[in-house]
């Protein structure tokens, strides 16, 4: 999908963020012909992670009622980023968000990241909730193997 389409969808439907300024790629999630979600990926916002080998999932937005939509988008972003040559992918959630879709997509929680707003003397919070963020990462070079479920575990 185009960046413009993703931005419009995010501006209409995201709970607490507006669209990003730019991106490397966008992914759409559709139910037949209806757009039900999207993800926007780009360079890491933090200069410490902007090393040319790390991609950041900057926005994920799915309409309410579409189970597993976020996990599908996270998985698609990881596959695309890996095919583009990235070695690691990161994203952030608010402290109040569970991260269940990220765990389901094999992301690992790295813990608290940064403060509640931008630092410095210019207030650049852009309406973002004043809440701690949690950083998540996934190593794109690791081979993920799906272990068969033992009969005793499936009951």
C-alpha atoms as a PDB file:
ATOM      1  CA  UNK A   1       0.000   0.000   0.000  1.00  0.00           C
ATOM      2  CA  UNK A   2       1.107   3.576  -0.423  1.00  0.00           C
ATOM      3  CA  UNK A   3       2.372   5.769   2.383  1.00  0.00           C
ATOM      4  CA  UNK A   4      -0.512   8.180   1.758  1.00  0.00           C
ATOM      5  CA  UNK A   5      -3.092   5.387   2.147  1.00  0.00           C
ATOM      6  CA  UNK A   6      -1.429   4.177   5.349  1.00  0.00           C
ATOM      7  CA  UNK A   7      -1.227   7.719   6.755  1.00  0.00           C
ATOM      8  CA  UNK A   8      -4.908   8.372   6.058  1.00  0.00           C
ATOM      9  CA  UNK A   9      -5.899   5.091   7.725  1.00  0.00           C
ATOM     10  CA  UNK A  10      -3.737   5.799  10.793  1.00  0.00           C
ATOM     11  CA  UNK A  11      -4.998   9.378  11.154  1.00  0.00           C
ATOM     12  CA  UNK A  12      -8.593   8.097  11.099  1.00  0.00           C
ATOM     13  CA  UNK A  13      -8.208   5.001  13.276  1.00  0.00           C
ATOM     14  CA  UNK A  14      -5.143   4.969  15.553  1.00  0.00           C
ATOM     15  CA  UNK A  15      -5.965   5.254  19.266  1.00  0.00           C
ATOM     16  CA  UNK A  16      -3.190   7.651  20.270  1.00  0.00           C
ATOM     17  CA  UNK A  17      -0.864   8.596  17.391  1.00  0.00           C
ATOM     18  CA  UNK A  18      -0.990  10.438  14.103  1.00  0.00           C
ATOM     19  CA  UNK A  19       0.762   9.147  11.007  1.00  0.00           C
ATOM     20  CA  UNK A  20       4.541   9.227  10.732  1.00  0.00           C
ATOM     21  CA  UNK A  21       6.446  11.760   8.623  1.00  0.00           C
ATOM     22  CA  UNK A  22       8.011   9.176   6.309  1.00  0.00           C
ATOM     23  CA  UNK A  23       8.725   5.483   5.904  1.00  0.00           C
ATOM     24  CA  UNK A  24      10.779   2.741   4.253  1.00  0.00           C
ATOM     25  CA  UNK A  25       7.707   0.595   3.533  1.00  0.00           C
ATOM     26  CA  UNK A  26       4.033   0.145   4.417  1.00  0.00           C
ATOM     27  CA  UNK A  27       1.933  -3.002   4.647  1.00  0.00           C
ATOM     28  CA  UNK A  28      -1.847  -3.234   4.379  1.00  0.00           C
ATOM     29  CA  UNK A  29      -4.135  -5.875   5.878  1.00  0.00           C
ATOM     30  CA  UNK A  30      -7.353  -6.539   4.034  1.00  0.00           C
ATOM     31  CA  UNK A  31     -10.559  -8.480   4.646  1.00  0.00           C
ATOM     32  CA  UNK A  32     -11.484  -9.172   1.016  1.00  0.00           C
ATOM     33  CA  UNK A  33     -11.357  -5.658  -0.476  1.00  0.00           C
ATOM     34  CA  UNK A  34     -11.800  -3.790   2.849  1.00  0.00           C
ATOM     35  CA  UNK A  35      -8.687  -2.249   4.416  1.00  0.00           C
ATOM     36  CA  UNK A  36      -8.730  -3.301   8.078  1.00  0.00           C
ATOM     37  CA  UNK A  37      -5.187  -2.501   9.168  1.00  0.00           C
ATOM     38  CA  UNK A  38      -1.738  -1.288   8.243  1.00  0.00           C
ATOM     39  CA  UNK A  39       1.824  -1.028   9.482  1.00  0.00           C
ATOM     40  CA  UNK A  40       4.461   1.587   8.691  1.00  0.00           C
ATOM     41  CA  UNK A  41       8.174   0.801   9.000  1.00  0.00           C
ATOM     42  CA  UNK A  42      11.151   3.102   8.733  1.00  0.00           C
ATOM     43  CA  UNK A  43      14.488   4.111  10.150  1.00  0.00           C
ATOM     44  CA  UNK A  44      14.727   3.941  13.936  1.00  0.00           C
ATOM     45  CA  UNK A  45      13.680   7.166  15.623  1.00  0.00           C
ATOM     46  CA  UNK A  46      16.518   6.819  18.154  1.00  0.00           C
ATOM     47  CA  UNK A  47      19.881   7.729  16.653  1.00  0.00           C
ATOM     48  CA  UNK A  48      21.455   4.986  18.787  1.00  0.00           C
ATOM     49  CA  UNK A  49      19.609   2.311  16.777  1.00  0.00           C
ATOM     50  CA  UNK A  50      19.900   3.972  13.361  1.00  0.00           C
ATOM     51  CA  UNK A  51      22.828   1.834  12.223  1.00  0.00           C
ATOM     52  CA  UNK A  52      21.626   0.681   8.794  1.00  0.00           C
ATOM     53  CA  UNK A  53      20.946  -2.836  10.109  1.00  0.00           C
ATOM     54  CA  UNK A  54      17.898  -2.063  12.261  1.00  0.00           C
ATOM     55  CA  UNK A  55      14.364  -1.334  11.045  1.00  0.00           C
ATOM     56  CA  UNK A  56      11.645   0.149  13.265  1.00  0.00           C
ATOM     57  CA  UNK A  57       7.945  -0.599  13.102  1.00  0.00           C
ATOM     58  CA  UNK A  58       6.725   2.944  13.679  1.00  0.00           C
ATOM     59  CA  UNK A  59       2.956   2.380  13.540  1.00  0.00           C
ATOM     60  CA  UNK A  60       0.548  -0.551  13.602  1.00  0.00           C
ATOM     61  CA  UNK A  61      -3.168   0.098  13.385  1.00  0.00           C
ATOM     62  CA  UNK A  62      -5.983  -2.465  13.063  1.00  0.00           C
ATOM     63  CA  UNK A  63      -9.724  -1.884  13.266  1.00  0.00           C
ATOM     64  CA  UNK A  64     -11.373  -3.289  16.404  1.00  0.00           C
ATOM     65  CA  UNK A  65     -12.783  -6.777  16.091  1.00  0.00           C
ATOM     66  CA  UNK A  66     -10.142  -8.269  13.784  1.00  0.00           C
ATOM     67  CA  UNK A  67      -8.456 -10.926  15.905  1.00  0.00           C
ATOM     68  CA  UNK A  68      -4.750 -11.523  15.223  1.00  0.00           C
ATOM     69  CA  UNK A  69      -4.535  -8.545  12.842  1.00  0.00           C
ATOM     70  CA  UNK A  70      -1.632  -6.927  14.697  1.00  0.00           C
ATOM     71  CA  UNK A  71       0.280 -10.220  14.821  1.00  0.00           C
ATOM     72  CA  UNK A  72      -0.214 -10.693  11.077  1.00  0.00           C
ATOM     73  CA  UNK A  73       1.167  -7.214  10.407  1.00  0.00           C
ATOM     74  CA  UNK A  74       4.141  -7.701  12.745  1.00  0.00           C
ATOM     75  CA  UNK A  75       4.987 -10.966  10.982  1.00  0.00           C
ATOM     76  CA  UNK A  76       4.706  -9.361   7.532  1.00  0.00           C
ATOM     77  CA  UNK A  77       6.938  -6.454   8.602  1.00  0.00           C
ATOM     78  CA  UNK A  78       9.583  -8.873   9.873  1.00  0.00           C
ATOM     79  CA  UNK A  79       9.583 -10.895   6.637  1.00  0.00           C
ATOM     80  CA  UNK A  80       9.844  -7.775   4.466  1.00  0.00           C
ATOM     81  CA  UNK A  81      12.574  -6.193   6.625  1.00  0.00           C
ATOM     82  CA  UNK A  82      14.584  -9.421   6.559  1.00  0.00           C
ATOM     83  CA  UNK A  83      14.244  -9.609   2.753  1.00  0.00           C
ATOM     84  CA  UNK A  84      15.474  -6.009   2.563  1.00  0.00           C
ATOM     85  CA  UNK A  85      18.635  -6.993   4.457  1.00  0.00           C
ATOM     86  CA  UNK A  86      17.838  -5.772   7.974  1.00  0.00           C
ATOM     87  CA  UNK A  87      19.232  -7.870  10.818  1.00  0.00           C
ATOM     88  CA  UNK A  88      17.036  -6.584  13.638  1.00  0.00           C
ATOM     89  CA  UNK A  89      13.610  -4.987  13.964  1.00  0.00           C
ATOM     90  CA  UNK A  90      12.355  -2.921  16.911  1.00  0.00           C
ATOM     91  CA  UNK A  91       9.145  -1.275  17.979  1.00  0.00           C
ATOM     92  CA  UNK A  92       7.662   0.431  21.024  1.00  0.00           C
ATOM     93  CA  UNK A  93       4.435   0.160  22.995  1.00  0.00           C
ATOM     94  CA  UNK A  94       3.010   2.271  25.760  1.00  0.00           C
ATOM     95  CA  UNK A  95       3.623   0.901  29.250  1.00  0.00           C
ATOM     96  CA  UNK A  96      -0.141   0.350  29.596  1.00  0.00           C
ATOM     97  CA  UNK A  97      -0.279  -1.917  26.511  1.00  0.00           C
ATOM     98  CA  UNK A  98       0.179  -5.666  27.024  1.00  0.00           C
ATOM     99  CA  UNK A  99       2.368  -6.503  24.022  1.00  0.00           C
ATOM    100  CA  UNK A 100       0.538  -9.810  23.509  1.00  0.00           C
ATOM    101  CA  UNK A 101       0.672  -9.463  19.702  1.00  0.00           C
ATOM    102  CA  UNK A 102       4.405  -8.807  19.865  1.00  0.00           C
ATOM    103  CA  UNK A 103       5.023 -11.868  22.036  1.00  0.00           C
ATOM    104  CA  UNK A 104       2.934 -13.928  19.593  1.00  0.00           C
ATOM    105  CA  UNK A 105       5.193 -12.624  16.802  1.00  0.00           C
ATOM    106  CA  UNK A 106       8.390 -13.721  18.597  1.00  0.00           C
ATOM    107  CA  UNK A 107       9.451 -10.267  19.802  1.00  0.00           C
ATOM    108  CA  UNK A 108      11.389  -9.970  23.068  1.00  0.00           C
ATOM    109  CA  UNK A 109      10.738  -7.194  25.571  1.00  0.00           C
ATOM    110  CA  UNK A 110      13.854  -5.104  26.236  1.00  0.00           C
ATOM    111  CA  UNK A 111      12.210  -3.102  29.014  1.00  0.00           C
ATOM    112  CA  UNK A 112      11.529   0.570  29.589  1.00  0.00           C
ATOM    113  CA  UNK A 113      12.777   3.010  26.980  1.00  0.00           C
ATOM    114  CA  UNK A 114      13.235   6.730  27.473  1.00  0.00           C
ATOM    115  CA  UNK A 115      11.091   9.200  29.336  1.00  0.00           C
ATOM    116  CA  UNK A 116       7.471  10.180  29.030  1.00  0.00           C
ATOM    117  CA  UNK A 117       8.116  13.000  26.511  1.00  0.00           C
ATOM    118  CA  UNK A 118      10.939  14.298  24.308  1.00  0.00           C
ATOM    119  CA  UNK A 119      13.841  15.688  26.265  1.00  0.00           C
ATOM    120  CA  UNK A 120      15.259  19.147  25.837  1.00  0.00           C
ATOM    121  CA  UNK A 121      13.781  22.600  26.203  1.00  0.00           C
ATOM    122  CA  UNK A 122      11.439  22.321  23.185  1.00  0.00           C
ATOM    123  CA  UNK A 123       8.235  20.479  24.058  1.00  0.00           C
ATOM    124  CA  UNK A 124       7.826  18.155  21.065  1.00  0.00           C
ATOM    125  CA  UNK A 125       5.362  15.598  22.389  1.00  0.00           C
ATOM    126  CA  UNK A 126       2.899  16.133  19.500  1.00  0.00           C
ATOM    127  CA  UNK A 127      -0.006  14.953  21.639  1.00  0.00           C
ATOM    128  CA  UNK A 128       1.577  11.575  22.389  1.00  0.00           C
ATOM    129  CA  UNK A 129       0.371  10.091  25.704  1.00  0.00           C
ATOM    130  CA  UNK A 130       2.664  11.079  28.563  1.00  0.00           C
ATOM    131  CA  UNK A 131       3.548   7.552  29.504  1.00  0.00           C
ATOM    132  CA  UNK A 132       6.690   5.407  29.595  1.00  0.00           C
ATOM    133  CA  UNK A 133       7.413   3.342  26.493  1.00  0.00           C
ATOM    134  CA  UNK A 134       8.503  -0.281  26.272  1.00  0.00           C
ATOM    135  CA  UNK A 135      10.988  -1.346  23.586  1.00  0.00           C
ATOM    136  CA  UNK A 136      10.587  -4.695  21.803  1.00  0.00           C
ATOM    137  CA  UNK A 137      13.071  -6.365  19.461  1.00  0.00           C
ATOM    138  CA  UNK A 138      13.324  -9.330  17.159  1.00  0.00           C
ATOM    139  CA  UNK A 139      16.528 -10.727  15.715  1.00  0.00           C
ATOM    140  CA  UNK A 140      15.770 -11.316  12.037  1.00  0.00           C
ATOM    141  CA  UNK A 141      18.808 -13.545  11.528  1.00  0.00           C
ATOM    142  CA  UNK A 142      17.644 -16.226  13.983  1.00  0.00           C
ATOM    143  CA  UNK A 143      15.878 -19.202  12.495  1.00  0.00           C
ATOM    144  CA  UNK A 144      12.564 -19.709  14.283  1.00  0.00           C
ATOM    145  CA  UNK A 145      11.549 -23.334  14.475  1.00  0.00           C
ATOM    146  CA  UNK A 146       8.047 -24.379  15.292  1.00  0.00           C
ATOM    147  CA  UNK A 147       8.293 -27.257  17.728  1.00  0.00           C
ATOM    148  CA  UNK A 148       5.563 -29.867  17.399  1.00  0.00           C
ATOM    149  CA  UNK A 149       3.111 -29.789  20.272  1.00  0.00           C
ATOM    150  CA  UNK A 150       3.287 -32.881  22.452  1.00  0.00           C
ATOM    151  CA  UNK A 151      -0.022 -34.649  22.941  1.00  0.00           C
ATOM    152  CA  UNK A 152       0.073 -33.955  26.694  1.00  0.00           C
ATOM    153  CA  UNK A 153       0.480 -30.175  26.039  1.00  0.00           C
ATOM    154  CA  UNK A 154      -2.442 -29.897  23.625  1.00  0.00           C
ATOM    155  CA  UNK A 155      -5.083 -30.854  26.213  1.00  0.00           C
END
